[in-house]
Amino acid sequence: MKTVQTSVCKRCGEPTGPRELVVRNSLADPLQVSECGHCGAIVDIGGHLW
């Protein structure tokens, strides 16, 4: 059985797993901003080699 990694949003305290996380980005843009599906707080920014 595969376990799902779940973290907790620092703003609202709700779990942010694959079902709760919302990623808003374009396929043409490598920048990926992941937001909490409950409150909209930015959870992670990735996609670029800073």
Protein backbone atom coordinates (compact mmCIF):
# COMPACT_ATOMS: atom_id res chain seq x y z
CA MET A 1 0.00 0.00 0.00
CA LYS A 2 1.32 3.42 -0.97
CA THR A 3 1.17 6.16 1.66
CA VAL A 4 0.49 9.76 0.68
CA GLN A 5 2.76 12.49 2.02
CA THR A 6 0.63 15.12 3.73
CA SER A 7 1.84 18.36 5.25
CA VAL A 8 -0.03 21.07 7.13
CA CYS A 9 -0.64 24.60 5.86
CA LYS A 10 1.16 27.12 8.08
CA ARG A 11 -1.62 29.69 7.61
CA CYS A 12 -4.85 27.73 8.24
CA GLY A 13 -3.58 24.46 9.77
CA GLU A 14 -5.45 22.27 7.26
CA PRO A 15 -3.70 19.27 5.62
CA THR A 16 -2.22 19.96 2.18
CA GLY A 17 -1.91 16.69 0.30
CA PRO A 18 -2.36 15.85 -3.39
CA ARG A 19 -6.13 16.29 -3.21
CA GLU A 20 -6.04 19.59 -1.31
CA LEU A 21 -3.13 21.22 -3.14
CA VAL A 22 -3.87 23.52 -6.07
CA VAL A 23 -1.08 24.26 -8.57
CA ARG A 24 -1.63 27.32 -10.73
CA ASN A 25 0.73 27.50 -13.68
CA SER A 26 0.83 27.24 -17.44
CA LEU A 27 2.40 24.25 -19.18
CA ALA A 28 4.59 26.72 -21.12
CA ASP A 29 5.85 28.35 -17.89
CA PRO A 30 8.24 26.31 -15.73
CA LEU A 31 7.29 28.28 -12.60
CA GLN A 32 4.93 26.22 -10.43
CA VAL A 33 3.15 27.88 -7.53
CA SER A 34 1.42 25.44 -5.22
CA GLU A 35 -1.38 26.82 -3.06
CA CYS A 36 -3.41 25.45 -0.16
CA GLY A 37 -6.77 24.31 -1.47
CA HIS A 38 -8.47 25.54 1.71
CA CYS A 39 -7.20 29.11 2.20
CA GLY A 40 -5.13 29.85 -0.93
CA ALA A 41 -1.83 30.40 0.90
CA ILE A 42 1.31 29.71 -1.13
CA VAL A 43 2.75 26.41 0.07
CA ASP A 44 5.63 25.94 -2.39
CA ILE A 45 7.26 27.64 -5.38
CA GLY A 46 9.25 25.51 -7.77
CA GLY A 47 10.16 24.88 -11.36
CA HIS A 48 13.08 27.31 -11.77
CA LEU A 49 16.73 26.70 -10.94
CA TRP A 50 17.17 29.86 -8.88
